[in-house]
Protein backbone atom coordinates (compact mmCIF):
# COMPACT_ATOMS: atom_id res chain seq x y z
CA MET A 1 -0.03 0.51 0.03
CA SER A 2 1.18 3.22 -0.81
CA ALA A 3 1.83 6.67 1.65
CA VAL A 4 -0.82 7.99 -0.63
CA ALA A 5 -3.56 5.85 -0.30
CA ALA A 6 -3.02 5.34 3.59
CA GLY A 7 -3.56 8.72 4.18
CA ARG A 8 -0.13 10.28 3.94
CA SER A 9 1.63 12.28 1.63
CA ARG A 10 4.77 12.89 0.98
CA ALA A 11 5.58 15.65 2.03
CA PRO A 12 8.13 15.68 5.32
CA GLU A 13 6.48 16.48 8.95
CA ARG A 14 8.87 18.22 10.39
CA ALA A 15 10.02 21.79 11.63
CA GLY A 16 10.85 23.93 9.35
CA GLY A 17 9.47 22.66 5.97
CA THR A 18 9.61 21.20 2.92
CA PRO A 19 12.99 21.78 0.69
CA ARG A 20 10.68 23.30 -2.31
CA ASP A 21 8.69 24.55 0.57
CA LEU A 22 11.67 27.05 1.71
CA THR A 23 13.57 27.60 -1.06
CA VAL A 24 9.37 29.60 -2.07
CA THR A 25 10.46 31.48 1.78
CA ALA A 26 13.89 32.78 0.29
CA LEU A 27 12.62 33.65 -2.65
CA ILE A 28 9.92 36.19 -1.30
CA LEU A 29 12.12 37.63 1.10
CA GLY A 30 14.45 38.16 -1.10
CA ILE A 31 12.57 39.63 -3.66
CA ALA A 32 11.31 42.12 -0.80
CA GLY A 33 14.44 42.76 0.72
CA ALA A 34 15.78 44.08 -2.67
CA LEU A 35 12.87 46.51 -2.72
CA TRP A 36 12.78 47.85 1.44
CA PHE A 37 16.45 48.84 0.19
CA GLY A 38 16.21 50.07 -2.51
CA TRP A 39 12.94 51.55 -1.68
CA GLY A 40 15.52 52.99 1.38
CA GLN A 41 17.43 55.05 -1.36
CA ALA A 42 15.52 57.45 -2.16
CA GLN A 43 15.96 59.60 0.40
CA PRO A 44 18.59 58.27 2.61
CA PRO A 45 20.58 59.80 5.69
CA ALA A 46 23.77 61.19 5.23
CA GLY A 47 25.68 58.12 5.93
CA TRP A 48 23.49 55.45 5.00
CA SER A 49 23.47 55.22 1.24
CA LEU A 50 26.34 52.31 1.47
CA PRO A 51 24.74 50.47 3.94
CA LEU A 52 21.69 50.63 2.28
CA SER A 53 23.67 49.07 -1.92
CA ILE A 54 25.02 46.23 0.01
CA GLY A 55 21.51 45.59 1.23
CA MET A 56 19.62 45.15 -1.22
CA LEU A 57 22.81 43.74 -3.22
CA ALA A 58 22.47 41.32 -1.38
CA ALA A 59 18.77 40.55 -1.26
CA ILE A 60 18.92 40.35 -4.62
CA ALA A 61 22.18 37.45 -4.00
CA VAL A 62 19.01 35.37 -1.94
CA ALA A 63 16.55 35.95 -4.40
CA VAL A 64 18.85 34.80 -7.53
CA VAL A 65 20.27 31.67 -5.49
CA ALA A 66 17.07 30.57 -4.53
CA GLY A 67 15.39 30.95 -7.59
CA ILE A 68 18.08 29.32 -8.98
CA ARG A 69 17.61 26.23 -6.34
CA MET A 70 14.14 26.75 -7.10
CA CYS A 71 14.19 25.26 -11.08
CA ARG A 72 16.03 22.33 -9.13
CA VAL A 73 12.75 22.02 -6.79
CA ARG A 74 10.41 22.43 -7.79
CA HIS A 75 8.44 19.53 -8.57
CA GLY A 76 9.58 18.35 -5.35
CA ALA A 77 7.09 17.78 -1.76
CA THR A 78 5.45 20.44 -0.07
CA ALA A 79 3.48 21.65 3.18
CA MET A 80 0.18 21.84 1.54
CA GLU A 81 0.47 18.44 0.70
CA SER A 82 -0.54 17.44 3.69
CA ARG A 83 -4.39 16.98 4.33
CA ARG A 84 -3.81 17.95 8.03
CA VAL A 85 -2.18 21.39 6.76
CA ARG A 86 -5.33 21.88 4.46
CA SER A 87 -7.72 21.32 6.42
CA GLY A 88 -5.92 23.94 9.12
CA ARG A 89 -4.83 21.71 12.26
CA GLY A 90 -1.34 22.58 10.61
């Protein structure tokens, strides 16, 4: 009997999420960070331009690495495959 037929999904039941979920989270936060640091460069206080630029470049690097990783794990398991999570009891 397969795990899916027995009511279990192939998504691991562990804290922290699946590699696919963690990669999507990193991608979203990388894009959001790049936007936030870029927006902060509109009229920064004196001396803040360099740290904001470094932060934006770091966020872009995270988004690029997560995007590449997402191509590799896009067909992997996700937490939403669990019936417990989808039913709101997760």
